[in-house]
N, C-alpha and C. Protein backbone atom coordinates (compact mmCIF):
# COMPACT_ATOMS: atom_id res chain seq x y z
N UNK A 1 35.14 90.84 94.94
CA UNK A 1 35.24 92.14 95.69
C UNK A 1 36.66 92.68 95.64
N UNK A 2 36.79 93.98 95.37
CA UNK A 2 38.04 94.70 95.35
C UNK A 2 38.13 95.51 96.33
N UNK A 3 39.34 95.54 97.14
CA UNK A 3 39.50 96.61 98.31
C UNK A 3 40.88 97.26 98.07
N UNK A 4 40.69 98.37 97.60
CA UNK A 4 42.02 99.25 97.34
C UNK A 4 42.77 99.39 98.75
N UNK A 5 44.05 99.23 98.54
CA UNK A 5 45.03 99.58 99.40
C UNK A 5 45.29 101.18 99.72
N UNK A 6 45.25 101.78 100.98
CA UNK A 6 45.44 103.04 101.07
C UNK A 6 46.86 103.41 101.79
N UNK A 7 47.58 104.20 101.11
CA UNK A 7 48.94 104.27 101.69
C UNK A 7 49.10 105.87 102.35
N UNK A 8 49.73 106.09 103.31
CA UNK A 8 49.90 107.24 103.83
C UNK A 8 51.42 107.55 103.66
N UNK A 9 51.75 108.88 103.27
CA UNK A 9 53.19 109.17 103.11
C UNK A 9 53.85 109.05 104.38
N UNK A 10 53.21 109.36 105.51
CA UNK A 10 53.80 109.54 106.81
C UNK A 10 54.12 108.11 107.44
N UNK A 11 53.35 106.91 107.01
CA UNK A 11 53.41 105.72 107.49
C UNK A 11 54.74 104.91 107.05
N UNK A 12 55.04 105.23 105.79
CA UNK A 12 56.04 104.40 105.17
C UNK A 12 57.50 105.05 105.42
N UNK A 13 58.52 104.23 105.95
CA UNK A 13 59.70 104.79 106.27
C UNK A 13 60.47 105.24 105.03
N UNK A 14 61.19 106.24 105.09
CA UNK A 14 62.03 106.65 103.78
C UNK A 14 63.07 106.00 103.60
N UNK A 15 63.74 105.90 102.43
CA UNK A 15 64.81 104.92 102.13
C UNK A 15 65.99 105.24 102.95
N UNK A 16 66.35 106.30 103.23
CA UNK A 16 67.56 106.71 104.16
C UNK A 16 67.25 106.12 105.55
N UNK A 17 66.10 106.17 106.03
CA UNK A 17 65.94 105.64 107.32
C UNK A 17 65.94 104.10 107.25
N UNK A 18 65.27 103.53 106.31
CA UNK A 18 65.41 101.95 106.21
C UNK A 18 66.76 101.46 106.11
N UNK A 19 67.68 102.29 105.35
CA UNK A 19 69.03 101.78 105.13
C UNK A 19 69.77 101.86 106.61
N UNK A 20 69.40 102.55 107.56
CA UNK A 20 70.01 102.56 108.79
C UNK A 20 69.47 101.63 109.76
N UNK A 21 68.45 100.72 109.46
CA UNK A 21 67.96 99.89 110.36
C UNK A 21 68.39 98.37 110.14
N UNK A 22 68.63 97.89 111.27
CA UNK A 22 69.28 96.40 111.30
C UNK A 22 68.51 95.60 112.37
N UNK A 23 68.35 94.34 112.02
CA UNK A 23 67.78 93.29 112.95
C UNK A 23 68.90 92.52 113.49
N UNK A 24 69.08 92.37 114.88
CA UNK A 24 69.81 91.68 115.46
C UNK A 24 69.21 90.47 116.34
N UNK A 25 69.86 89.47 116.29
CA UNK A 25 69.26 88.28 116.98
C UNK A 25 70.07 87.97 118.36
N UNK A 26 69.44 87.68 119.27
CA UNK A 26 70.03 87.44 120.75
C UNK A 26 69.56 86.28 121.14
N UNK A 27 70.36 85.40 121.87
CA UNK A 27 69.76 84.38 122.67
C UNK A 27 69.42 84.93 124.14
N UNK A 28 68.54 84.36 124.73
CA UNK A 28 68.01 84.77 126.09
C UNK A 28 69.06 84.69 127.00
N UNK A 29 69.27 85.88 127.93
CA UNK A 29 70.31 85.75 128.88
C UNK A 29 70.99 87.17 128.66
N UNK A 30 72.15 87.38 128.98
CA UNK A 30 72.80 88.53 129.11
C UNK A 30 73.07 88.95 127.63
N UNK A 31 72.59 90.21 127.27
CA UNK A 31 72.89 90.77 125.87
C UNK A 31 74.17 91.65 125.93
N UNK A 32 74.19 92.49 126.82
CA UNK A 32 75.46 93.12 127.03
C UNK A 32 75.45 94.47 126.70
N UNK A 33 74.37 95.22 126.78
CA UNK A 33 74.45 96.62 126.69
C UNK A 33 73.42 97.27 127.63
N UNK A 34 73.49 98.70 127.81
CA UNK A 34 72.58 99.33 128.64
C UNK A 34 71.95 100.50 127.76
N UNK A 35 70.77 100.99 127.93
CA UNK A 35 70.28 101.93 127.10
C UNK A 35 69.52 103.03 128.00
N UNK A 36 69.33 104.25 127.39
CA UNK A 36 68.46 105.21 128.32
C UNK A 36 67.79 106.08 127.17
N UNK A 37 66.52 106.06 127.25
CA UNK A 37 65.72 106.76 126.43
C UNK A 37 65.84 106.17 124.92
N UNK A 38 65.95 104.88 124.99
CA UNK A 38 66.07 103.80 123.99
C UNK A 38 67.37 103.93 123.16
N UNK A 39 68.19 104.77 123.53
CA UNK A 39 69.66 104.93 123.06
C UNK A 39 70.73 104.02 123.80
N UNK A 40 71.49 103.27 123.13
CA UNK A 40 72.46 102.49 123.52
C UNK A 40 73.48 103.42 124.25
N UNK A 41 73.80 103.14 125.55
CA UNK A 41 74.69 104.01 126.35
C UNK A 41 76.04 103.29 126.41
N UNK A 42 75.95 102.07 126.71
CA UNK A 42 77.37 101.31 126.93
C UNK A 42 77.00 99.82 126.22
N UNK A 43 78.14 99.47 125.67
CA UNK A 43 78.32 98.07 125.26
C UNK A 43 79.41 97.30 125.99
N UNK A 44 78.95 96.09 126.48
CA UNK A 44 80.08 95.54 127.42
C UNK A 44 81.04 94.63 126.48
N UNK A 45 82.17 94.61 126.79
CA UNK A 45 83.23 93.73 126.04
C UNK A 45 82.81 92.21 126.05
N UNK A 46 83.21 91.71 124.98
CA UNK A 46 82.90 90.21 125.01
C UNK A 46 81.36 89.80 125.16
N UNK A 47 80.37 90.64 124.80
CA UNK A 47 79.06 90.47 125.04
C UNK A 47 78.53 89.95 123.62
N UNK A 48 77.23 89.58 123.54
CA UNK A 48 76.48 89.52 122.43
C UNK A 48 76.36 90.57 121.58
N UNK A 49 76.00 91.69 122.20
CA UNK A 49 75.84 92.99 121.59
C UNK A 49 77.25 93.58 120.84
N UNK A 50 78.38 93.36 121.35
CA UNK A 50 79.60 93.64 120.81
C UNK A 50 79.91 92.96 119.72
N UNK A 51 79.64 91.48 119.69
CA UNK A 51 79.96 90.61 118.75
C UNK A 51 79.00 91.05 117.58
N UNK A 52 77.96 91.56 117.71
CA UNK A 52 76.99 91.74 116.53
C UNK A 52 77.27 93.16 116.03
N UNK A 53 78.04 93.96 116.78
CA UNK A 53 78.53 95.29 116.10
C UNK A 53 77.58 96.49 116.56
N UNK A 54 76.80 96.03 117.74
CA UNK A 54 76.08 97.24 118.31
C UNK A 54 76.97 98.13 118.97
N UNK A 55 76.60 99.52 118.70
CA UNK A 55 77.64 100.64 119.08
C UNK A 55 76.81 101.58 119.91
N UNK A 56 77.48 102.24 120.73
CA UNK A 56 76.81 103.53 121.49
C UNK A 56 76.32 104.35 120.65
N UNK A 57 75.09 104.87 120.99
CA UNK A 57 74.37 105.94 120.13
C UNK A 57 73.40 105.42 119.24
N UNK A 58 73.23 103.88 119.12
CA UNK A 58 72.20 103.28 118.32
C UNK A 58 70.85 103.24 118.93
N UNK A 59 69.67 103.47 118.19
CA UNK A 59 68.42 103.60 118.95
C UNK A 59 67.53 102.38 118.69
N UNK A 60 67.11 101.73 119.84
CA UNK A 60 66.24 100.53 119.95
C UNK A 60 64.74 100.98 119.46
N UNK A 61 64.04 100.35 118.57
CA UNK A 61 62.83 100.64 118.33
C UNK A 61 61.97 99.51 118.31
N UNK A 62 62.34 98.24 118.28
CA UNK A 62 61.65 97.08 118.22
C UNK A 62 62.29 95.98 119.00
N UNK A 63 61.52 95.32 119.86
CA UNK A 63 61.95 94.29 120.64
C UNK A 63 61.14 92.96 120.41
N UNK A 64 61.67 91.92 119.76
CA UNK A 64 60.93 90.63 119.45
C UNK A 64 59.60 91.01 118.82
N UNK A 65 59.41 91.78 117.80
CA UNK A 65 58.47 92.11 116.87
C UNK A 65 57.37 92.97 117.65
N UNK A 66 57.93 93.55 118.81
CA UNK A 66 56.86 94.64 119.50
C UNK A 66 57.71 96.01 119.35
N UNK A 67 56.89 96.97 118.84
CA UNK A 67 57.49 98.38 118.75
C UNK A 67 57.50 98.84 120.07
N UNK A 68 58.70 99.65 120.40
CA UNK A 68 58.81 100.16 121.71
C UNK A 68 58.98 101.72 121.55
N UNK A 69 58.33 102.51 122.45
CA UNK A 69 58.34 104.04 122.23
C UNK A 69 59.00 104.59 123.37
N UNK A 70 59.51 103.89 124.51
CA UNK A 70 60.09 104.28 125.72
C UNK A 70 60.80 103.50 126.45
N UNK A 71 61.69 103.64 127.41
CA UNK A 71 62.46 102.61 128.16
C UNK A 71 61.61 101.69 128.88
N UNK A 72 60.34 102.08 129.27
CA UNK A 72 59.49 101.14 130.08
C UNK A 72 59.03 100.10 129.23
N UNK A 73 58.55 100.51 128.06
CA UNK A 73 58.05 99.50 126.99
C UNK A 73 59.17 98.62 126.58
N UNK A 74 60.35 98.89 126.48
CA UNK A 74 61.45 98.22 125.99
C UNK A 74 61.95 97.18 127.04
N UNK A 75 61.93 97.64 128.26
CA UNK A 75 62.12 96.83 129.45
C UNK A 75 61.08 95.59 129.58
N UNK A 76 59.99 96.03 129.39
CA UNK A 76 58.97 94.97 129.41
C UNK A 76 58.94 94.02 128.34
N UNK A 77 59.23 94.55 127.09
CA UNK A 77 59.35 93.63 126.01
C UNK A 77 60.66 92.65 125.98
N UNK A 78 61.69 93.15 126.72
CA UNK A 78 62.95 92.46 126.96
C UNK A 78 62.60 91.43 128.01
N UNK A 79 62.02 91.80 129.05
CA UNK A 79 61.56 90.69 130.08
C UNK A 79 60.77 89.61 129.54
N UNK A 80 59.72 90.07 128.74
CA UNK A 80 58.93 88.87 128.11
C UNK A 80 59.77 88.06 127.19
N UNK A 81 60.61 88.70 126.32
CA UNK A 81 61.41 87.95 125.40
C UNK A 81 62.31 87.00 126.19
N UNK A 82 62.87 87.50 127.12
CA UNK A 82 63.79 86.60 127.89
C UNK A 82 63.16 85.34 128.63
N UNK A 83 62.00 85.69 128.89
CA UNK A 83 61.09 84.52 129.57
C UNK A 83 60.41 83.56 128.73
N UNK A 84 60.17 83.94 127.36
CA UNK A 84 59.34 83.05 126.57
C UNK A 84 60.08 82.74 125.29
N UNK A 85 61.29 83.20 124.98
CA UNK A 85 62.00 82.69 123.70
C UNK A 85 63.57 82.25 124.08
N UNK A 86 64.05 81.49 123.36
CA UNK A 86 65.37 81.09 123.48
C UNK A 86 66.33 82.10 122.67
N UNK A 87 65.60 82.55 121.47
CA UNK A 87 66.16 83.46 120.48
C UNK A 87 65.01 84.68 120.36
N UNK A 88 65.44 85.87 120.28
CA UNK A 88 64.75 86.95 120.04
C UNK A 88 65.48 88.06 119.22
N UNK A 89 64.60 88.85 118.51
CA UNK A 89 65.23 89.75 117.70
C UNK A 89 64.98 91.15 118.31
N UNK A 90 65.87 92.06 117.88
CA UNK A 90 65.86 93.52 118.12
C UNK A 90 65.89 94.32 116.90
N UNK A 91 65.22 95.31 116.57
CA UNK A 91 65.51 96.20 115.54
C UNK A 91 66.04 97.44 116.16
N UNK A 92 67.21 97.70 115.61
CA UNK A 92 67.95 99.02 116.07
C UNK A 92 68.53 99.74 115.06
N UNK A 93 68.33 101.15 115.08
CA UNK A 93 68.74 102.09 114.10
C UNK A 93 70.17 102.62 114.38
N UNK A 94 70.82 102.68 113.35
CA UNK A 94 72.13 103.51 113.42
C UNK A 94 72.02 104.97 113.20
N UNK A 95 71.97 105.60 114.32
CA UNK A 95 71.78 106.98 114.28
C UNK A 95 73.11 107.77 114.73
N UNK A 96 73.14 108.35 116.08
CA UNK A 96 74.22 109.22 116.56
C UNK A 96 75.18 108.28 117.16
N UNK A 97 76.33 108.22 116.47
CA UNK A 97 77.23 107.19 117.37
C UNK A 97 78.03 108.16 118.37
N UNK A 98 77.90 107.67 119.52
CA UNK A 98 78.47 108.49 120.58
C UNK A 98 79.97 108.18 120.76
N UNK A 99 80.83 108.91 120.92
CA UNK A 99 82.36 108.75 121.20
C UNK A 99 82.50 107.89 122.62
N UNK A 100 83.32 107.12 122.66
CA UNK A 100 83.66 106.37 123.97
C UNK A 100 84.36 107.25 124.84
């Protein structure tokens, strides 16, 4: 039995968008940044986030393999990740870097 795969041009990320995506690993606990509308607003000095190069203006779009569409979903995914994992990942896009 052969099942063809169907691809939608809207589903696959373009190469420019893919180049701006990174996966960051955090240990459970204080990660060291705040966000609003999924955009990183502040990065605390000497934090996990700063050590990994996370900057203001980056956009969160996945927490521990869970896609997030708003702050509520991100907060929930972070809550679960902190309670169930020692190490978890976040996918963050490099978009508009805000000036400090």
